[in-house]
């Protein structure tokens, strides 16, 4: 206790000196900065938006000492919620959610491999139109490529993220199995045309397909390059010794038999 009492005069003398005042200010600055750091870090994300990370400020404190004085330097750096390619994180996640919904693949297994800032000259081009006018009505946004298992899906998205368009040529999670009710409708049509009981008819092949436009869907031999896709199936039915080819849309509301089929049987 006596030793401590002896130190008071010396300590008081140091604190009253210019260096002592500077040391006091430095310590005060350090403590206040340290306390200010608490609570600046974002809470963990949850749910579908688990990949979204909040913007946050990081505080770095370094101590520099020289012969004349000691001082602290506080460096504040801002980390923004945006990727190096300029694609905002919220738009990236919206695209990944769309790809996941269409493909049935979890978001964590999807990857954006490319994102290019782009100005689409008009809405037709933005929506992947193959034959568009030269109208100049620009839409700013990005062309984004998503890796979905062994496939690459191309999206167009506008600057605000309010419009996200998947290339219509992409084959998504369309069922590759012909629904039973559509199969029955096709066999019923083939039976009516051929006058053969459905029990003697058989679907030998059914391929999920996206027809480029209604002309192609209806077996047109000479069609325009208009891209107005119709999803459905190309179905082959064994009718006696013949194979009949049908095109049917996804809902089964349209059945089209290849016009080359005579409608009768050739024995």
Protein backbone atom coordinates (compact mmCIF):
# COMPACT_ATOMS: atom_id res chain seq x y z
CA UNK A 1 0.00 0.00 0.00
CA UNK A 2 2.88 2.35 0.87
CA UNK A 3 4.53 1.58 -2.48
CA UNK A 4 1.34 2.53 -4.31
CA UNK A 5 1.08 5.78 -2.37
CA UNK A 6 4.62 6.62 -3.40
CA UNK A 7 3.63 6.21 -7.09
CA UNK A 8 0.79 8.77 -6.95
CA UNK A 9 2.99 11.90 -7.18
CA UNK A 10 4.95 10.46 -10.12
CA UNK A 11 1.81 9.34 -11.95
CA UNK A 12 0.14 12.69 -11.34
CA UNK A 13 3.18 14.45 -12.75
CA UNK A 14 3.10 12.31 -15.92
CA UNK A 15 -0.59 12.87 -16.50
CA UNK A 16 -0.19 16.64 -16.19
CA UNK A 17 2.59 16.67 -18.79
CA UNK A 18 1.79 17.12 -22.56
CA UNK A 19 2.63 13.48 -23.23
CA UNK A 20 0.35 12.39 -20.41
CA UNK A 21 -2.55 14.40 -21.80
CA UNK A 22 -1.98 12.85 -25.25
CA UNK A 23 -1.86 9.35 -23.74
CA UNK A 24 -5.15 9.98 -21.90
CA UNK A 25 -6.84 11.18 -25.10
CA UNK A 26 -5.49 8.18 -27.01
CA UNK A 27 -6.81 5.69 -24.46
CA UNK A 28 -10.19 7.43 -24.41
CA UNK A 29 -10.33 7.26 -28.22
CA UNK A 30 -9.46 3.57 -28.23
CA UNK A 31 -12.08 2.64 -25.64
CA UNK A 32 -14.82 4.65 -27.29
CA UNK A 33 -13.95 3.21 -30.74
CA UNK A 34 -13.90 -0.30 -29.35
CA UNK A 35 -17.32 0.13 -27.79
CA UNK A 36 -18.67 1.54 -31.05
CA UNK A 37 -17.77 -1.59 -32.96
CA UNK A 38 -20.29 -3.70 -31.07
CA UNK A 39 -23.54 -4.26 -32.97
CA UNK A 40 -22.33 -3.25 -36.43
CA UNK A 41 -22.27 -6.79 -37.81
CA UNK A 42 -25.35 -8.10 -39.62
CA UNK A 43 -27.45 -10.95 -38.25
CA UNK A 44 -27.28 -14.29 -40.02
CA UNK A 45 -29.60 -14.59 -43.01
CA UNK A 46 -32.29 -17.22 -43.11
CA UNK A 47 -34.76 -18.88 -45.49
CA UNK A 48 -34.60 -18.58 -49.28
CA UNK A 49 -32.55 -15.41 -49.04
CA UNK A 50 -29.74 -17.11 -47.13
CA UNK A 51 -27.29 -16.00 -49.80
CA UNK A 52 -28.16 -12.32 -49.39
CA UNK A 53 -25.61 -10.51 -47.26
CA UNK A 54 -26.24 -7.10 -45.70
CA UNK A 55 -24.01 -4.10 -46.26
CA UNK A 56 -21.84 -3.42 -43.27
CA UNK A 57 -19.01 -1.21 -42.11
CA UNK A 58 -15.83 -2.71 -40.75
CA UNK A 59 -13.61 -0.79 -38.35
CA UNK A 60 -9.90 -1.40 -38.22
CA UNK A 61 -7.77 0.13 -35.43
CA UNK A 62 -4.02 0.31 -35.81
CA UNK A 63 -1.47 1.72 -33.38
CA UNK A 64 1.37 3.88 -34.70
CA UNK A 65 4.20 4.94 -32.41
CA UNK A 66 7.03 7.36 -33.04
CA UNK A 67 9.47 9.24 -30.86
CA UNK A 68 7.25 12.30 -30.37
CA UNK A 69 3.78 10.91 -29.83
CA UNK A 70 1.48 7.94 -29.80
CA UNK A 71 -1.80 8.00 -31.64
CA UNK A 72 -4.48 5.71 -32.96
CA UNK A 73 -5.77 5.62 -36.51
CA UNK A 74 -9.28 4.40 -37.22
CA UNK A 75 -9.91 3.16 -40.76
CA UNK A 76 -13.50 2.60 -41.88
CA UNK A 77 -14.20 0.60 -44.99
CA UNK A 78 -17.64 0.06 -46.51
CA UNK A 79 -18.58 -3.28 -48.04
CA UNK A 80 -21.53 -2.92 -50.39
CA UNK A 81 -24.20 -5.47 -51.23
CA UNK A 82 -23.19 -5.85 -54.86
CA UNK A 83 -21.02 -8.22 -56.87
CA UNK A 84 -17.89 -7.17 -58.75
CA UNK A 85 -19.76 -7.63 -62.05
CA UNK A 86 -22.33 -4.99 -61.05
CA UNK A 87 -25.24 -7.40 -60.70
CA UNK A 88 -27.04 -6.54 -57.43
CA UNK A 89 -27.25 -9.40 -54.96
CA UNK A 90 -31.06 -9.17 -54.74
CA UNK A 91 -31.37 -9.64 -58.53
CA UNK A 92 -28.87 -12.51 -58.47
CA UNK A 93 -30.94 -14.28 -55.83
CA UNK A 94 -34.19 -13.62 -57.71
CA UNK A 95 -32.69 -15.30 -60.80
CA UNK A 96 -31.42 -18.25 -58.77
CA UNK A 97 -34.84 -18.68 -57.15
CA UNK A 98 -36.48 -18.72 -60.60
CA UNK A 99 -33.98 -21.27 -61.92
CA UNK A 100 -34.46 -23.42 -58.83
CA UNK A 101 -38.26 -23.32 -59.17
CA UNK A 102 -38.14 -24.26 -62.86
CA UNK A 103 -35.50 -26.97 -62.55
CA UNK A 104 -36.26 -28.42 -59.14
CA UNK A 105 -32.57 -28.04 -58.26
CA UNK A 106 -31.77 -26.45 -54.84
CA UNK A 107 -30.37 -22.91 -54.97
CA UNK A 108 -27.16 -24.03 -53.26
CA UNK A 109 -26.43 -26.28 -56.27
CA UNK A 110 -26.89 -23.52 -58.84
CA UNK A 111 -24.18 -21.10 -59.95
CA UNK A 112 -24.14 -17.85 -61.90
CA UNK A 113 -21.19 -18.27 -64.24
CA UNK A 114 -21.51 -15.03 -66.17
CA UNK A 115 -23.26 -11.67 -65.77
CA UNK A 116 -22.76 -9.01 -68.44
CA UNK A 117 -24.15 -5.47 -68.22
CA UNK A 118 -26.01 -4.89 -71.46
CA UNK A 119 -28.35 -2.45 -73.20
CA UNK A 120 -30.99 -4.31 -75.22
CA UNK A 121 -32.03 -2.15 -78.16
CA UNK A 122 -35.76 -2.91 -77.79
CA UNK A 123 -38.22 -5.06 -75.79
CA UNK A 124 -38.33 -7.69 -78.55
CA UNK A 125 -34.60 -8.37 -78.28
CA UNK A 126 -34.84 -8.26 -74.48
CA UNK A 127 -37.40 -11.08 -74.71
CA UNK A 128 -35.16 -13.22 -76.97
CA UNK A 129 -37.16 -12.55 -80.16
CA UNK A 130 -35.48 -14.06 -83.20
CA UNK A 131 -37.05 -11.67 -85.71
CA UNK A 132 -37.34 -8.13 -84.31
CA UNK A 133 -37.81 -4.67 -85.78
CA UNK A 134 -35.05 -2.07 -85.67
CA UNK A 135 -37.03 0.07 -83.27
CA UNK A 136 -34.73 1.68 -80.72
CA UNK A 137 -36.42 1.56 -77.33
CA UNK A 138 -33.48 0.62 -75.09
CA UNK A 139 -33.70 -1.46 -71.94
CA UNK A 140 -30.68 -1.43 -69.65
CA UNK A 141 -29.92 -4.57 -67.69
CA UNK A 142 -27.84 -7.73 -67.72
CA UNK A 143 -27.45 -10.98 -69.61
CA UNK A 144 -26.94 -13.67 -66.98
CA UNK A 145 -25.84 -17.28 -67.46
CA UNK A 146 -26.77 -19.81 -64.76
CA UNK A 147 -25.22 -23.23 -64.46
CA UNK A 148 -28.02 -25.76 -63.84
CA UNK A 149 -26.44 -29.18 -63.47
CA UNK A 150 -25.02 -29.94 -66.95
CA UNK A 151 -26.86 -27.09 -68.68
CA UNK A 152 -26.37 -23.33 -69.04
CA UNK A 153 -29.48 -21.17 -68.84
CA UNK A 154 -29.46 -17.62 -70.20
CA UNK A 155 -31.55 -14.90 -68.59
CA UNK A 156 -32.22 -11.29 -69.53
CA UNK A 157 -33.03 -9.01 -66.60
CA UNK A 158 -33.73 -5.29 -66.57
CA UNK A 159 -31.92 -2.76 -64.39
CA UNK A 160 -34.52 -2.71 -61.63
CA UNK A 161 -34.96 -6.50 -61.58
CA UNK A 162 -38.72 -6.17 -62.23
CA UNK A 163 -38.46 -8.24 -65.44
CA UNK A 164 -36.57 -11.53 -65.53
CA UNK A 165 -36.85 -13.45 -68.79
CA UNK A 166 -35.48 -16.95 -69.41
CA UNK A 167 -34.45 -17.85 -72.95
CA UNK A 168 -37.51 -19.70 -74.34
CA UNK A 169 -35.22 -22.22 -76.01
CA UNK A 170 -34.14 -23.53 -72.62
CA UNK A 171 -35.70 -26.87 -71.79
CA UNK A 172 -36.77 -26.53 -68.17
CA UNK A 173 -38.45 -28.99 -65.86
CA UNK A 174 -41.18 -29.89 -68.33
CA UNK A 175 -42.32 -33.43 -67.65
CA UNK A 176 -40.78 -35.99 -69.98
CA UNK A 177 -43.61 -38.42 -69.27
CA UNK A 178 -46.71 -38.13 -71.41
CA UNK A 179 -49.73 -37.72 -69.07
CA UNK A 180 -52.17 -40.64 -69.19
CA UNK A 181 -55.15 -38.45 -70.10
CA UNK A 182 -53.28 -37.04 -73.13
CA UNK A 183 -52.17 -40.51 -74.19
CA UNK A 184 -55.80 -41.68 -74.02
CA UNK A 185 -56.94 -38.68 -76.07
CA UNK A 186 -54.37 -39.43 -78.78
CA UNK A 187 -55.25 -43.12 -78.90
CA UNK A 188 -58.94 -42.18 -79.05
CA UNK A 189 -58.28 -39.91 -82.01
CA UNK A 190 -56.19 -42.56 -83.79
CA UNK A 191 -58.90 -45.17 -83.15
CA UNK A 192 -61.59 -42.93 -84.59
CA UNK A 193 -59.55 -42.21 -87.72
CA UNK A 194 -58.38 -45.79 -88.27
CA UNK A 195 -61.48 -47.59 -86.92
CA UNK A 196 -59.19 -49.83 -84.87
CA UNK A 197 -59.98 -50.39 -81.16
CA UNK A 198 -57.71 -48.47 -78.80
CA UNK A 199 -56.70 -51.78 -77.21
CA UNK A 200 -54.94 -52.61 -80.50
CA UNK A 201 -53.10 -49.28 -80.68
CA UNK A 202 -49.90 -48.39 -78.91
CA UNK A 203 -47.85 -45.25 -78.20
CA UNK A 204 -44.30 -46.24 -79.16
CA UNK A 205 -42.58 -42.92 -78.54
CA UNK A 206 -43.36 -39.66 -76.74
CA UNK A 207 -40.81 -36.85 -76.74
CA UNK A 208 -41.18 -33.63 -74.76
CA UNK A 209 -40.62 -30.81 -77.22
CA UNK A 210 -40.86 -27.05 -77.64
CA UNK A 211 -42.15 -26.13 -81.09
CA UNK A 212 -40.77 -22.83 -82.36
CA UNK A 213 -44.14 -21.45 -83.43
CA UNK A 214 -47.71 -22.56 -84.29
CA UNK A 215 -46.68 -23.26 -87.88
CA UNK A 216 -44.09 -25.83 -86.78
CA UNK A 217 -46.56 -27.27 -84.27
CA UNK A 218 -48.98 -27.91 -87.16
CA UNK A 219 -46.33 -29.67 -89.26
CA UNK A 220 -45.82 -26.72 -91.64
CA UNK A 221 -43.10 -27.45 -94.16
CA UNK A 222 -42.37 -23.78 -94.87
CA UNK A 223 -42.64 -21.60 -91.76
CA UNK A 224 -41.44 -18.13 -90.83
CA UNK A 225 -38.69 -17.68 -88.24
CA UNK A 226 -41.14 -16.14 -85.80
CA UNK A 227 -40.44 -17.46 -82.31
CA UNK A 228 -43.75 -18.03 -80.54
CA UNK A 229 -43.04 -21.25 -78.65
CA UNK A 230 -45.53 -23.99 -77.87
CA UNK A 231 -44.52 -26.60 -75.31
CA UNK A 232 -45.81 -30.10 -75.71
CA UNK A 233 -44.93 -33.52 -77.10
CA UNK A 234 -44.25 -35.29 -80.33
CA UNK A 235 -46.00 -38.64 -80.06
CA UNK A 236 -45.69 -41.69 -82.32
CA UNK A 237 -48.55 -44.22 -82.36
CA UNK A 238 -48.38 -47.70 -83.85
CA UNK A 239 -51.53 -48.08 -85.97
CA UNK A 240 -51.52 -51.44 -87.72
CA UNK A 241 -48.39 -51.41 -89.84
CA UNK A 242 -48.06 -47.66 -89.78
CA UNK A 243 -46.54 -45.16 -87.41
CA UNK A 244 -48.59 -42.02 -86.96
CA UNK A 245 -46.99 -38.87 -85.60
CA UNK A 246 -48.95 -36.43 -83.47
CA UNK A 247 -48.08 -33.05 -82.04
CA UNK A 248 -49.89 -32.20 -78.82
CA UNK A 249 -49.60 -29.13 -76.63
CA UNK A 250 -48.81 -29.23 -72.93
CA UNK A 251 -52.44 -29.05 -71.77
CA UNK A 252 -53.67 -31.58 -74.35
CA UNK A 253 -56.16 -29.06 -75.76
CA UNK A 254 -54.61 -29.29 -79.23
CA UNK A 255 -53.91 -32.56 -81.03
CA UNK A 256 -52.50 -32.39 -84.54
CA UNK A 257 -51.90 -35.44 -86.72
CA UNK A 258 -49.17 -35.22 -89.33
CA UNK A 259 -51.04 -34.23 -92.55
CA UNK A 260 -48.97 -36.74 -94.50
CA UNK A 261 -50.96 -39.49 -92.82
CA UNK A 262 -53.81 -40.42 -95.13
CA UNK A 263 -56.14 -41.31 -92.28
CA UNK A 264 -56.57 -44.80 -93.66
CA UNK A 265 -54.50 -47.95 -93.40
CA UNK A 266 -52.13 -49.35 -95.97
CA UNK A 267 -51.80 -53.07 -95.66
